[in-house]
C-alpha atoms as a PDB file:
ATOM      1  CA  MET A   1      -5.727 -58.802   2.424  1.00  0.00           C
ATOM      2  CA  ASP A   2      -4.513 -61.291   5.005  1.00  0.00           C
ATOM      3  CA  PHE A   3      -3.354 -60.628   8.561  1.00  0.00           C
ATOM      4  CA  SER A   4       0.381 -60.690   7.806  1.00  0.00           C
ATOM      5  CA  SER A   5       0.138 -58.134   5.010  1.00  0.00           C
ATOM      6  CA  THR A   6      -1.984 -55.875   7.239  1.00  0.00           C
ATOM      7  CA  LEU A   7       0.633 -56.139   9.971  1.00  0.00           C
ATOM      8  CA  ARG A   8       3.429 -55.313   7.501  1.00  0.00           C
ATOM      9  CA  THR A   9       1.473 -52.288   6.282  1.00  0.00           C
ATOM     10  CA  LYS A  10       1.008 -51.008   9.843  1.00  0.00           C
ATOM     11  CA  GLN A  11       4.695 -51.531  10.618  1.00  0.00           C
ATOM     12  CA  ALA A  12       5.725 -49.761   7.412  1.00  0.00           C
ATOM     13  CA  SER A  13       3.478 -46.787   8.160  1.00  0.00           C
ATOM     14  CA  ARG A  14       4.875 -46.578  11.701  1.00  0.00           C
ATOM     15  CA  CYS A  15       8.409 -46.524  10.277  1.00  0.00           C
ATOM     16  CA  ASN A  16       7.416 -43.828   7.783  1.00  0.00           C
ATOM     17  CA  VAL A  17       6.218 -41.622  10.627  1.00  0.00           C
ATOM     18  CA  LEU A  18       9.665 -41.813  12.273  1.00  0.00           C
ATOM     19  CA  GLN A  19      11.628 -41.366   9.044  1.00  0.00           C
ATOM     20  CA  PRO A  20      11.787 -37.528   9.136  1.00  0.00           C
ATOM     21  CA  ILE A  21      13.277 -37.642  12.651  1.00  0.00           C
ATOM     22  CA  ARG A  22      15.803 -40.283  11.553  1.00  0.00           C
ATOM     23  CA  GLN A  23      16.811 -38.171   8.584  1.00  0.00           C
ATOM     24  CA  TRP A  24      17.152 -35.067  10.752  1.00  0.00           C
ATOM     25  CA  LEU A  25      19.400 -36.918  13.217  1.00  0.00           C
ATOM     26  CA  ASP A  26      21.526 -38.212  10.337  1.00  0.00           C
ATOM     27  CA  ARG A  27      21.947 -34.667   8.977  1.00  0.00           C
ATOM     28  CA  VAL A  28      22.989 -33.039  12.256  1.00  0.00           C
ATOM     29  CA  GLU A  29      26.440 -31.548  11.745  1.00  0.00           C
ATOM     30  CA  ILE A  30      28.878 -31.109  14.576  1.00  0.00           C
ATOM     31  CA  ARG A  31      30.343 -27.626  14.282  1.00  0.00           C
ATOM     32  CA  ASN A  32      31.783 -26.787  17.677  1.00  0.00           C
ATOM     33  CA  PRO A  33      33.635 -28.622  20.439  1.00  0.00           C
ATOM     34  CA  ARG A  34      31.106 -27.773  23.137  1.00  0.00           C
ATOM     35  CA  THR A  35      28.283 -29.503  21.255  1.00  0.00           C
ATOM     36  CA  ALA A  36      30.523 -32.462  20.446  1.00  0.00           C
ATOM     37  CA  HIS A  37      31.445 -32.874  24.123  1.00  0.00           C
ATOM     38  CA  ARG A  38      27.792 -32.742  25.178  1.00  0.00           C
ATOM     39  CA  ILE A  39      26.775 -35.361  22.624  1.00  0.00           C
ATOM     40  CA  ALA A  40      29.667 -37.653  23.537  1.00  0.00           C
ATOM     41  CA  LYS A  41      28.741 -37.439  27.230  1.00  0.00           C
ATOM     42  CA  LEU A  42      24.982 -37.718  26.708  1.00  0.00           C
ATOM     43  CA  ILE A  43      24.957 -40.777  24.425  1.00  0.00           C
ATOM     44  CA  PRO A  44      26.567 -43.764  26.184  1.00  0.00           C
ATOM     45  CA  ALA A  45      29.238 -45.872  24.488  1.00  0.00           C
ATOM     46  CA  GLN A  46      27.373 -49.050  25.337  1.00  0.00           C
ATOM     47  CA  CYS A  47      23.871 -49.886  26.423  1.00  0.00           C
ATOM     48  CA  PRO A  48      23.476 -48.995  30.099  1.00  0.00           C
ATOM     49  CA  PHE A  49      20.661 -51.474  30.656  1.00  0.00           C
ATOM     50  CA  GLU A  50      22.411 -54.758  29.920  1.00  0.00           C
ATOM     51  CA  ARG A  51      23.116 -56.482  33.221  1.00  0.00           C
ATOM     52  CA  ASP A  52      24.035 -59.812  34.683  1.00  0.00           C
ATOM     53  CA  ILE A  53      22.320 -60.455  37.992  1.00  0.00           C
ATOM     54  CA  LYS A  54      24.656 -62.394  40.243  1.00  0.00           C
ATOM     55  CA  ILE A  55      24.105 -64.008  43.599  1.00  0.00           C
ATOM     56  CA  PHE A  56      27.127 -65.297  45.478  1.00  0.00           C
ATOM     57  CA  GLY A  57      29.211 -64.979  42.331  1.00  0.00           C
ATOM     58  CA  TYR A  58      26.800 -67.012  40.151  1.00  0.00           C
ATOM     59  CA  THR A  59      24.894 -65.460  37.283  1.00  0.00           C
ATOM     60  CA  VAL A  60      21.206 -66.152  37.906  1.00  0.00           C
ATOM     61  CA  ALA A  61      19.694 -63.868  35.271  1.00  0.00           C
ATOM     62  CA  HIS A  62      20.708 -61.755  32.320  1.00  0.00           C
ATOM     63  CA  ILE A  63      18.903 -58.598  31.236  1.00  0.00           C
ATOM     64  CA  PRO A  64      19.579 -58.122  27.506  1.00  0.00           C
ATOM     65  CA  PRO A  65      20.474 -54.734  26.034  1.00  0.00           C
ATOM     66  CA  LEU A  66      17.289 -52.782  25.523  1.00  0.00           C
ATOM     67  CA  CYS A  67      18.878 -50.034  23.448  1.00  0.00           C
ATOM     68  CA  LYS A  68      18.130 -51.756  20.183  1.00  0.00           C
ATOM     69  CA  LEU A  69      14.428 -51.419  20.959  1.00  0.00           C
ATOM     70  CA  ASN A  70      14.891 -47.661  20.624  1.00  0.00           C
ATOM     71  CA  PRO A  71      13.738 -46.762  17.086  1.00  0.00           C
ATOM     72  CA  PHE A  72      16.518 -44.150  16.836  1.00  0.00           C
ATOM     73  CA  TYR A  73      19.349 -46.339  18.164  1.00  0.00           C
ATOM     74  CA  GLU A  74      21.360 -46.387  14.922  1.00  0.00           C
ATOM     75  CA  GLU A  75      20.986 -42.647  14.423  1.00  0.00           C
ATOM     76  CA  PHE A  76      22.152 -41.869  17.980  1.00  0.00           C
ATOM     77  CA  VAL A  77      25.169 -44.146  17.595  1.00  0.00           C
ATOM     78  CA  GLY A  78      26.031 -42.391  14.333  1.00  0.00           C
ATOM     79  CA  LEU A  79      25.634 -38.965  15.937  1.00  0.00           C
ATOM     80  CA  ARG A  80      27.946 -39.946  18.806  1.00  0.00           C
ATOM     81  CA  PHE A  81      30.483 -41.284  16.311  1.00  0.00           C
ATOM     82  CA  ARG A  82      30.423 -38.025  14.342  1.00  0.00           C
ATOM     83  CA  ALA A  83      30.916 -36.043  17.558  1.00  0.00           C
ATOM     84  CA  LEU A  84      33.911 -38.170  18.552  1.00  0.00           C
ATOM     85  CA  CYS A  85      35.399 -37.897  15.062  1.00  0.00           C
ATOM     86  CA  TYR A  86      35.009 -34.114  15.203  1.00  0.00           C
ATOM     87  CA  LEU A  87      36.789 -33.960  18.547  1.00  0.00           C
ATOM     88  CA  ALA A  88      39.620 -36.212  17.363  1.00  0.00           C
ATOM     89  CA  ASP A  89      40.076 -34.999  13.779  1.00  0.00           C
ATOM     90  CA  VAL A  90      39.191 -31.302  13.914  1.00  0.00           C
ATOM     91  CA  CYS A  91      40.008 -30.412  17.526  1.00  0.00           C
ATOM     92  CA  GLY A  92      42.897 -32.837  17.926  1.00  0.00           C
ATOM     93  CA  GLU A  93      41.591 -34.043  21.306  1.00  0.00           C
ATOM     94  CA  ASP A  94      42.188 -37.384  22.950  1.00  0.00           C
ATOM     95  CA  ILE A  95      38.798 -39.120  23.053  1.00  0.00           C
ATOM     96  CA  GLN A  96      39.827 -42.025  25.308  1.00  0.00           C
ATOM     97  CA  GLN A  97      37.742 -40.601  28.146  1.00  0.00           C
ATOM     98  CA  TYR A  98      34.568 -41.232  26.113  1.00  0.00           C
ATOM     99  CA  CYS A  99      35.262 -44.855  25.251  1.00  0.00           C
END
């Protein structure tokens, strides 16, 4: 077994450990407006860490979005989307305030 296959095996086992949490997040159902509002407020619409550092109007550095390093990023985005869809489709609310 070479180094690259060992590394792939470790990465695969790490992903398998997180899989039950991913599946649970994907199965969360939004059933009431209060929960949907909390989720929509708690999970930001865009990554809050991405920044341009400017001095005297010139960009001197850029901090990339770190959200995609979160192993549950896709699941949280999906959960927020389901909450917004619930508010718009079931409750008939205007969701512009969350965008």
